[in-house]
Amino acid sequence: MSEFQSEEDFRQQVNTPFRLQVNAPKPIDLTLVGVESRPSDAAEQQGMERFSVFFLGSAEFLLPQNTYRLVHPEMGEFDVFLVAIGKEADGYRYEAVYNYFKPEGAAN
């Protein structure tokens, strides 16, 4: 796995669970429920990877905005900054925004 998580990496894992590495009485899983492209406009610098990923967590508790370590069987372990963006009937929804220069040799 690259040091960067790409939009395509996440698209391949929609509807799969990601385990939070936190000190909690029971394991905390978030389900990846969506990936949304963030296209660049003409005035912005080219060569960027911009997208958001959306997770659904338990309705039992709200995770505070913070950087968390996620573990996934296909994507490995990585840190991500999660922000709660709302509560739905089946749990809290979280967003992580990615915005970085694509590594050399990456497809546009």
C-alpha atoms as a PDB file:
ATOM      1  CA  MET A   1       0.000   0.000   0.000  1.00  0.00           C
ATOM      2  CA  SER A   2       1.205   3.468  -0.903  1.00  0.00           C
ATOM      3  CA  GLU A   3       1.836   5.992   1.841  1.00  0.00           C
ATOM      4  CA  PHE A   4      -1.137   7.855   0.303  1.00  0.00           C
ATOM      5  CA  GLN A   5      -4.641   6.493   0.152  1.00  0.00           C
ATOM      6  CA  SER A   6      -6.131   7.255  -3.257  1.00  0.00           C
ATOM      7  CA  GLU A   7      -9.706   7.886  -4.250  1.00  0.00           C
ATOM      8  CA  GLU A   8      -9.640   4.627  -6.223  1.00  0.00           C
ATOM      9  CA  ASP A   9      -8.293   2.701  -3.188  1.00  0.00           C
ATOM     10  CA  PHE A  10     -11.305   3.838  -1.176  1.00  0.00           C
ATOM     11  CA  ARG A  11     -13.821   3.283  -4.001  1.00  0.00           C
ATOM     12  CA  GLN A  12     -12.814  -0.369  -4.053  1.00  0.00           C
ATOM     13  CA  GLN A  13     -13.655  -0.669  -0.334  1.00  0.00           C
ATOM     14  CA  VAL A  14     -17.110   0.989  -0.145  1.00  0.00           C
ATOM     15  CA  ASN A  15     -19.415  -0.841   2.294  1.00  0.00           C
ATOM     16  CA  THR A  16     -16.535  -2.493   4.148  1.00  0.00           C
ATOM     17  CA  PRO A  17     -15.612  -1.933   7.817  1.00  0.00           C
ATOM     18  CA  PHE A  18     -12.558  -0.030   9.055  1.00  0.00           C
ATOM     19  CA  ARG A  19     -11.453  -0.671  12.652  1.00  0.00           C
ATOM     20  CA  LEU A  20     -10.498   2.316  14.809  1.00  0.00           C
ATOM     21  CA  GLN A  21      -7.380   1.770  16.905  1.00  0.00           C
ATOM     22  CA  VAL A  22      -8.521   3.394  20.131  1.00  0.00           C
ATOM     23  CA  ASN A  23      -8.536   2.459  23.775  1.00  0.00           C
ATOM     24  CA  ALA A  24     -12.213   1.551  24.179  1.00  0.00           C
ATOM     25  CA  PRO A  25     -14.144  -1.125  26.091  1.00  0.00           C
ATOM     26  CA  LYS A  26     -15.162  -2.775  22.811  1.00  0.00           C
ATOM     27  CA  PRO A  27     -13.899  -2.541  19.200  1.00  0.00           C
ATOM     28  CA  ILE A  28     -15.102   0.411  17.159  1.00  0.00           C
ATOM     29  CA  ASP A  29     -15.792  -0.110  13.484  1.00  0.00           C
ATOM     30  CA  LEU A  30     -16.739   2.494  10.910  1.00  0.00           C
ATOM     31  CA  THR A  31     -18.257   1.471   7.585  1.00  0.00           C
ATOM     32  CA  LEU A  32     -17.076   3.277   4.474  1.00  0.00           C
ATOM     33  CA  VAL A  33     -20.336   4.436   2.887  1.00  0.00           C
ATOM     34  CA  GLY A  34     -19.193   6.813   0.167  1.00  0.00           C
ATOM     35  CA  VAL A  35     -16.413   8.487  -1.797  1.00  0.00           C
ATOM     36  CA  GLU A  36     -16.877  11.876  -3.451  1.00  0.00           C
ATOM     37  CA  SER A  37     -14.526  13.491  -5.974  1.00  0.00           C
ATOM     38  CA  ARG A  38     -13.496  17.095  -5.427  1.00  0.00           C
ATOM     39  CA  PRO A  39     -12.486  18.298  -8.894  1.00  0.00           C
ATOM     40  CA  SER A  40     -10.054  21.165  -9.266  1.00  0.00           C
ATOM     41  CA  ASP A  41     -11.137  24.317 -11.027  1.00  0.00           C
ATOM     42  CA  ALA A  42      -8.991  26.066 -13.622  1.00  0.00           C
ATOM     43  CA  ALA A  43      -7.503  28.533 -11.108  1.00  0.00           C
ATOM     44  CA  GLU A  44      -6.212  25.818  -8.780  1.00  0.00           C
ATOM     45  CA  GLN A  45      -2.883  24.058  -8.976  1.00  0.00           C
ATOM     46  CA  GLN A  46      -2.900  20.926 -11.123  1.00  0.00           C
ATOM     47  CA  GLY A  47      -1.618  17.483 -10.099  1.00  0.00           C
ATOM     48  CA  MET A  48      -3.641  17.251  -6.892  1.00  0.00           C
ATOM     49  CA  GLU A  49      -5.664  14.342  -5.536  1.00  0.00           C
ATOM     50  CA  ARG A  50      -8.837  15.793  -3.956  1.00  0.00           C
ATOM     51  CA  PHE A  51     -11.685  13.741  -2.565  1.00  0.00           C
ATOM     52  CA  SER A  52     -13.756  13.044   0.544  1.00  0.00           C
ATOM     53  CA  VAL A  53     -14.598   9.733   2.132  1.00  0.00           C
ATOM     54  CA  PHE A  54     -17.638   9.162   4.309  1.00  0.00           C
ATOM     55  CA  PHE A  55     -17.967   6.676   7.140  1.00  0.00           C
ATOM     56  CA  LEU A  56     -20.930   5.577   9.227  1.00  0.00           C
ATOM     57  CA  GLY A  57     -20.351   4.782  12.891  1.00  0.00           C
ATOM     58  CA  SER A  58     -22.432   3.652  15.827  1.00  0.00           C
ATOM     59  CA  ALA A  59     -25.423   5.657  17.024  1.00  0.00           C
ATOM     60  CA  GLU A  60     -24.355   4.861  20.603  1.00  0.00           C
ATOM     61  CA  PHE A  61     -21.622   7.503  20.773  1.00  0.00           C
ATOM     62  CA  LEU A  62     -20.132  10.421  18.869  1.00  0.00           C
ATOM     63  CA  LEU A  63     -16.428  10.363  18.075  1.00  0.00           C
ATOM     64  CA  PRO A  64     -14.878  13.785  18.652  1.00  0.00           C
ATOM     65  CA  GLN A  65     -13.138  15.504  15.751  1.00  0.00           C
ATOM     66  CA  ASN A  66      -9.638  14.081  15.842  1.00  0.00           C
ATOM     67  CA  THR A  67      -6.943  12.106  14.046  1.00  0.00           C
ATOM     68  CA  TYR A  68      -7.559   8.370  14.311  1.00  0.00           C
ATOM     69  CA  ARG A  69      -5.643   5.276  13.261  1.00  0.00           C
ATOM     70  CA  LEU A  70      -7.764   3.093  10.968  1.00  0.00           C
ATOM     71  CA  VAL A  71      -7.054  -0.548  10.117  1.00  0.00           C
ATOM     72  CA  HIS A  72      -8.448  -2.317   7.068  1.00  0.00           C
ATOM     73  CA  PRO A  73      -7.548  -5.799   5.743  1.00  0.00           C
ATOM     74  CA  GLU A  74      -6.903  -4.514   2.198  1.00  0.00           C
ATOM     75  CA  MET A  75      -5.701  -0.948   2.837  1.00  0.00           C
ATOM     76  CA  GLY A  76      -3.583  -1.581   5.921  1.00  0.00           C
ATOM     77  CA  GLU A  77      -3.098   0.909   8.772  1.00  0.00           C
ATOM     78  CA  PHE A  78      -3.158   4.669   8.343  1.00  0.00           C
ATOM     79  CA  ASP A  79      -4.044   7.855  10.188  1.00  0.00           C
ATOM     80  CA  VAL A  80      -6.979   9.989   9.129  1.00  0.00           C
ATOM     81  CA  PHE A  81      -8.569  13.179  10.447  1.00  0.00           C
ATOM     82  CA  LEU A  82     -12.292  12.520  10.975  1.00  0.00           C
ATOM     83  CA  VAL A  83     -15.028  15.109  11.446  1.00  0.00           C
ATOM     84  CA  ALA A  84     -18.586  14.259  12.462  1.00  0.00           C
ATOM     85  CA  ILE A  85     -20.943  15.779   9.901  1.00  0.00           C
ATOM     86  CA  GLY A  86     -24.309  14.587  11.185  1.00  0.00           C
ATOM     87  CA  LYS A  87     -26.432  11.963  12.854  1.00  0.00           C
ATOM     88  CA  GLU A  88     -28.559   9.606  10.798  1.00  0.00           C
ATOM     89  CA  ALA A  89     -31.119   7.064  11.940  1.00  0.00           C
ATOM     90  CA  ASP A  90     -28.495   4.299  11.980  1.00  0.00           C
ATOM     91  CA  GLY A  91     -25.507   6.208  13.358  1.00  0.00           C
ATOM     92  CA  TYR A  92     -23.149   9.158  13.129  1.00  0.00           C
ATOM     93  CA  ARG A  93     -21.677  10.103   9.758  1.00  0.00           C
ATOM     94  CA  TYR A  94     -18.020  11.170   9.509  1.00  0.00           C
ATOM     95  CA  GLU A  95     -15.996  12.785   6.726  1.00  0.00           C
ATOM     96  CA  ALA A  96     -12.288  12.730   5.932  1.00  0.00           C
ATOM     97  CA  VAL A  97     -11.020  15.151   3.277  1.00  0.00           C
ATOM     98  CA  TYR A  98      -7.983  14.271   1.180  1.00  0.00           C
ATOM     99  CA  ASN A  99      -6.022  16.968  -0.631  1.00  0.00           C
ATOM    100  CA  TYR A 100      -2.428  16.222  -1.672  1.00  0.00           C
ATOM    101  CA  PHE A 101      -0.068  16.228  -4.643  1.00  0.00           C
ATOM    102  CA  LYS A 102      -0.230  12.961  -6.569  1.00  0.00           C
ATOM    103  CA  PRO A 103       2.967  10.950  -6.276  1.00  0.00           C
ATOM    104  CA  GLU A 104       5.296  10.949  -9.279  1.00  0.00           C
ATOM    105  CA  GLY A 105       4.068   8.576 -11.966  1.00  0.00           C
ATOM    106  CA  ALA A 106       0.472   8.455 -10.653  1.00  0.00           C
ATOM    107  CA  ALA A 107      -2.331   8.597 -13.201  1.00  0.00           C
ATOM    108  CA  ASN A 108      -4.219  11.895 -13.524  1.00  0.00           C
END
